[in-house]
C-alpha cells in the first residue's frame, strides 16, 4: 500500500513538473513602436534618452527608409 501511494505521488509530481516546464518563461511581451521622427541621429538619441522614464532605457534609432536624413525613434512598450 505504501509503495503504491509513493508511486502515485511520484507520478503526480512528475506530471506537475512537466506542466511547469512547458509554461512560457515570460508573460510580458514587448512590441516596438515608432514614437517620433528626427532630423539627425543625435536628436533621435537625445529624445530616446529623455524619454527613458516612459519606455525604459531600451530604444533604437533607425533611418527612415523612404526619406534620407530622417531618423525614427523606436521604443518598446
N, C-alpha and C. Protein backbone atom coordinates (compact mmCIF):
# COMPACT_ATOMS: atom_id res chain seq x y z
N UNK A 1 0.81 -1.19 0.00
CA UNK A 1 0.00 0.00 0.00
C UNK A 1 0.86 1.26 0.00
N UNK A 2 1.89 1.26 0.85
CA UNK A 2 2.78 2.42 0.93
C UNK A 2 3.52 2.60 -0.39
N UNK A 3 3.93 1.49 -0.99
CA UNK A 3 4.64 1.55 -2.26
C UNK A 3 3.73 2.12 -3.35
N UNK A 4 2.48 1.72 -3.36
CA UNK A 4 1.53 2.20 -4.35
C UNK A 4 1.26 3.71 -4.15
N UNK A 5 1.15 4.14 -2.91
CA UNK A 5 0.93 5.55 -2.61
C UNK A 5 2.14 6.39 -3.03
N UNK A 6 3.32 5.87 -2.77
CA UNK A 6 4.54 6.56 -3.18
C UNK A 6 4.64 6.67 -4.69
N UNK A 7 4.26 5.62 -5.39
CA UNK A 7 4.27 5.64 -6.85
C UNK A 7 3.27 6.65 -7.39
N UNK A 8 2.11 6.75 -6.77
CA UNK A 8 1.10 7.72 -7.20
C UNK A 8 1.58 9.15 -6.97
N UNK A 9 2.21 9.38 -5.83
CA UNK A 9 2.74 10.72 -5.55
C UNK A 9 3.86 11.09 -6.52
N UNK A 10 4.69 10.14 -6.85
CA UNK A 10 5.77 10.40 -7.82
C UNK A 10 5.21 10.72 -9.19
N UNK A 11 4.14 10.05 -9.58
CA UNK A 11 3.50 10.31 -10.86
C UNK A 11 2.91 11.72 -10.91
N UNK A 12 2.25 12.11 -9.82
CA UNK A 12 1.68 13.45 -9.74
C UNK A 12 2.78 14.50 -9.79
N UNK A 13 3.85 14.27 -9.07
CA UNK A 13 4.96 15.23 -9.05
C UNK A 13 5.60 15.35 -10.43
N UNK A 14 5.76 14.24 -11.13
CA UNK A 14 6.34 14.27 -12.47
C UNK A 14 5.42 15.01 -13.45
N UNK A 15 4.13 14.78 -13.32
CA UNK A 15 3.17 15.48 -14.18
C UNK A 15 3.19 16.97 -13.92
N UNK A 16 3.27 17.36 -12.66
CA UNK A 16 3.33 18.77 -12.32
C UNK A 16 4.60 19.42 -12.87
N UNK A 17 5.71 18.71 -12.79
CA UNK A 17 6.96 19.22 -13.34
C UNK A 17 6.89 19.37 -14.85
N UNK A 18 6.21 18.47 -15.53
CA UNK A 18 6.07 18.55 -16.98
C UNK A 18 5.23 19.77 -17.35
N UNK A 19 4.18 20.03 -16.59
CA UNK A 19 3.33 21.20 -16.86
C UNK A 19 4.13 22.47 -16.66
N UNK A 20 4.92 22.54 -15.61
CA UNK A 20 5.71 23.74 -15.35
C UNK A 20 6.80 23.95 -16.41
N UNK A 21 7.35 22.87 -16.93
CA UNK A 21 8.42 23.01 -17.91
C UNK A 21 7.91 23.48 -19.26
N UNK A 22 6.63 23.28 -19.54
CA UNK A 22 6.09 23.72 -20.82
C UNK A 22 5.46 25.12 -20.73
N UNK A 23 5.41 25.71 -19.53
CA UNK A 23 4.84 27.05 -19.38
C UNK A 23 5.79 28.07 -19.99
N UNK A 24 5.26 29.16 -20.53
CA UNK A 24 6.14 30.20 -21.09
C UNK A 24 6.99 30.81 -19.99
N UNK A 25 8.20 31.19 -20.35
CA UNK A 25 9.11 31.73 -19.35
C UNK A 25 8.76 33.15 -18.96
N UNK A 26 8.12 33.88 -19.85
CA UNK A 26 7.76 35.26 -19.53
C UNK A 26 6.43 35.58 -20.16
N UNK A 27 5.56 36.15 -19.39
CA UNK A 27 4.26 36.51 -19.93
C UNK A 27 4.25 37.91 -20.52
N UNK A 28 5.30 38.68 -20.25
CA UNK A 28 5.36 40.04 -20.77
C UNK A 28 5.89 40.02 -22.20
N UNK A 29 5.15 40.60 -23.09
CA UNK A 29 5.60 40.71 -24.47
C UNK A 29 5.82 42.18 -24.80
N UNK A 30 6.90 42.46 -25.49
CA UNK A 30 7.22 43.81 -25.87
C UNK A 30 7.04 43.96 -27.37
N UNK A 31 6.47 45.08 -27.76
CA UNK A 31 6.26 45.38 -29.16
C UNK A 31 6.95 46.71 -29.44
N UNK A 32 7.62 46.78 -30.57
CA UNK A 32 8.30 48.02 -30.97
C UNK A 32 7.32 48.96 -31.65
N UNK A 33 7.35 50.23 -31.27
CA UNK A 33 6.52 51.27 -31.85
C UNK A 33 7.38 52.45 -32.27
N UNK A 34 6.99 53.12 -33.35
CA UNK A 34 7.65 54.37 -33.72
C UNK A 34 7.07 55.47 -32.84
N UNK A 35 7.95 56.15 -32.12
CA UNK A 35 7.50 57.22 -31.23
C UNK A 35 7.56 58.58 -31.90
N UNK A 36 8.65 58.83 -32.65
CA UNK A 36 8.80 60.14 -33.27
C UNK A 36 9.82 60.08 -34.41
N UNK A 37 9.87 61.15 -35.18
CA UNK A 37 10.82 61.28 -36.29
C UNK A 37 11.74 62.47 -36.00
N UNK A 38 13.01 62.32 -36.40
CA UNK A 38 14.01 63.35 -36.09
C UNK A 38 14.88 63.61 -37.31
N UNK A 39 15.48 64.81 -37.34
CA UNK A 39 16.29 65.21 -38.48
C UNK A 39 17.73 64.75 -38.39
N UNK A 40 18.16 64.27 -37.22
CA UNK A 40 19.53 63.76 -37.07
C UNK A 40 19.56 62.62 -36.07
N UNK A 41 20.61 61.84 -36.16
CA UNK A 41 20.79 60.74 -35.22
C UNK A 41 21.00 61.26 -33.80
N UNK A 42 21.70 62.39 -33.68
CA UNK A 42 21.94 62.97 -32.37
C UNK A 42 20.63 63.39 -31.69
N UNK A 43 19.74 64.02 -32.42
CA UNK A 43 18.46 64.44 -31.81
C UNK A 43 17.59 63.22 -31.50
N UNK A 44 17.68 62.17 -32.30
CA UNK A 44 16.94 60.95 -32.03
C UNK A 44 17.42 60.30 -30.73
N UNK A 45 18.74 60.21 -30.57
CA UNK A 45 19.30 59.62 -29.34
C UNK A 45 18.97 60.48 -28.12
N UNK A 46 19.00 61.80 -28.28
CA UNK A 46 18.66 62.69 -27.18
C UNK A 46 17.21 62.48 -26.74
N UNK A 47 16.31 62.36 -27.71
CA UNK A 47 14.91 62.12 -27.39
C UNK A 47 14.71 60.74 -26.75
N UNK A 48 15.46 59.75 -27.21
CA UNK A 48 15.36 58.42 -26.63
C UNK A 48 15.81 58.39 -25.18
N UNK A 49 16.88 59.10 -24.88
CA UNK A 49 17.38 59.17 -23.51
C UNK A 49 16.46 60.01 -22.63
N UNK A 50 15.88 61.06 -23.19
CA UNK A 50 15.00 61.92 -22.41
C UNK A 50 13.69 61.21 -22.05
N UNK A 51 13.24 60.27 -22.89
CA UNK A 51 12.00 59.56 -22.61
C UNK A 51 12.18 58.25 -21.90
N UNK A 52 13.36 58.02 -21.34
CA UNK A 52 13.64 56.74 -20.68
C UNK A 52 12.70 56.46 -19.51
N UNK A 53 12.15 57.49 -18.89
CA UNK A 53 11.21 57.28 -17.79
C UNK A 53 9.89 56.71 -18.30
N UNK A 54 9.60 56.85 -19.59
CA UNK A 54 8.36 56.31 -20.16
C UNK A 54 8.54 54.89 -20.67
N UNK A 55 9.59 54.64 -21.46
CA UNK A 55 9.74 53.34 -22.10
C UNK A 55 10.98 52.57 -21.66
N UNK A 56 11.74 53.08 -20.73
CA UNK A 56 12.93 52.38 -20.26
C UNK A 56 14.15 52.79 -21.07
N UNK A 57 15.24 52.15 -20.81
CA UNK A 57 16.50 52.54 -21.45
C UNK A 57 16.69 51.88 -22.81
N UNK A 58 15.80 50.98 -23.19
CA UNK A 58 15.95 50.30 -24.47
C UNK A 58 15.13 51.01 -25.52
N UNK A 59 15.81 51.54 -26.51
CA UNK A 59 15.18 52.19 -27.66
C UNK A 59 16.14 52.04 -28.83
N UNK A 60 15.69 52.41 -30.00
CA UNK A 60 16.60 52.37 -31.15
C UNK A 60 16.24 53.48 -32.12
N UNK A 61 17.24 53.97 -32.82
CA UNK A 61 17.08 54.99 -33.84
C UNK A 61 17.45 54.38 -35.18
N UNK A 62 16.49 54.32 -36.08
CA UNK A 62 16.72 53.75 -37.41
C UNK A 62 16.47 54.80 -38.48
N UNK A 63 17.23 54.73 -39.57
CA UNK A 63 16.95 55.66 -40.65
C UNK A 63 15.60 55.35 -41.30
N UNK A 64 14.87 56.40 -41.62
CA UNK A 64 13.58 56.23 -42.29
C UNK A 64 13.85 55.74 -43.71
N UNK A 65 13.29 54.61 -44.12
CA UNK A 65 13.69 54.00 -45.39
C UNK A 65 13.29 54.80 -46.64
N UNK A 66 12.28 55.63 -46.54
CA UNK A 66 11.79 56.30 -47.75
C UNK A 66 12.19 57.76 -47.85
N UNK A 67 12.86 58.28 -46.84
CA UNK A 67 13.27 59.68 -46.88
C UNK A 67 14.64 59.80 -46.21
N UNK A 68 15.69 59.99 -46.99
CA UNK A 68 17.02 60.12 -46.40
C UNK A 68 17.11 61.34 -45.48
N UNK A 69 17.84 61.18 -44.41
CA UNK A 69 18.03 62.27 -43.47
C UNK A 69 17.00 62.32 -42.36
N UNK A 70 16.07 61.39 -42.35
CA UNK A 70 15.06 61.33 -41.29
C UNK A 70 15.29 60.06 -40.47
N UNK A 71 15.27 60.22 -39.16
CA UNK A 71 15.51 59.12 -38.23
C UNK A 71 14.24 58.85 -37.43
N UNK A 72 13.93 57.57 -37.25
CA UNK A 72 12.77 57.16 -36.48
C UNK A 72 13.22 56.68 -35.11
N UNK A 73 12.53 57.13 -34.08
CA UNK A 73 12.79 56.66 -32.72
C UNK A 73 11.80 55.53 -32.44
N UNK A 74 12.34 54.32 -32.25
CA UNK A 74 11.54 53.13 -31.95
C UNK A 74 11.67 52.83 -30.46
N UNK A 75 10.54 52.59 -29.80
CA UNK A 75 10.54 52.29 -28.37
C UNK A 75 9.75 51.01 -28.13
N UNK A 76 10.03 50.37 -27.00
CA UNK A 76 9.30 49.15 -26.61
C UNK A 76 8.29 49.50 -25.54
N UNK A 77 7.10 48.97 -25.69
CA UNK A 77 6.05 49.20 -24.69
C UNK A 77 5.40 47.91 -24.35
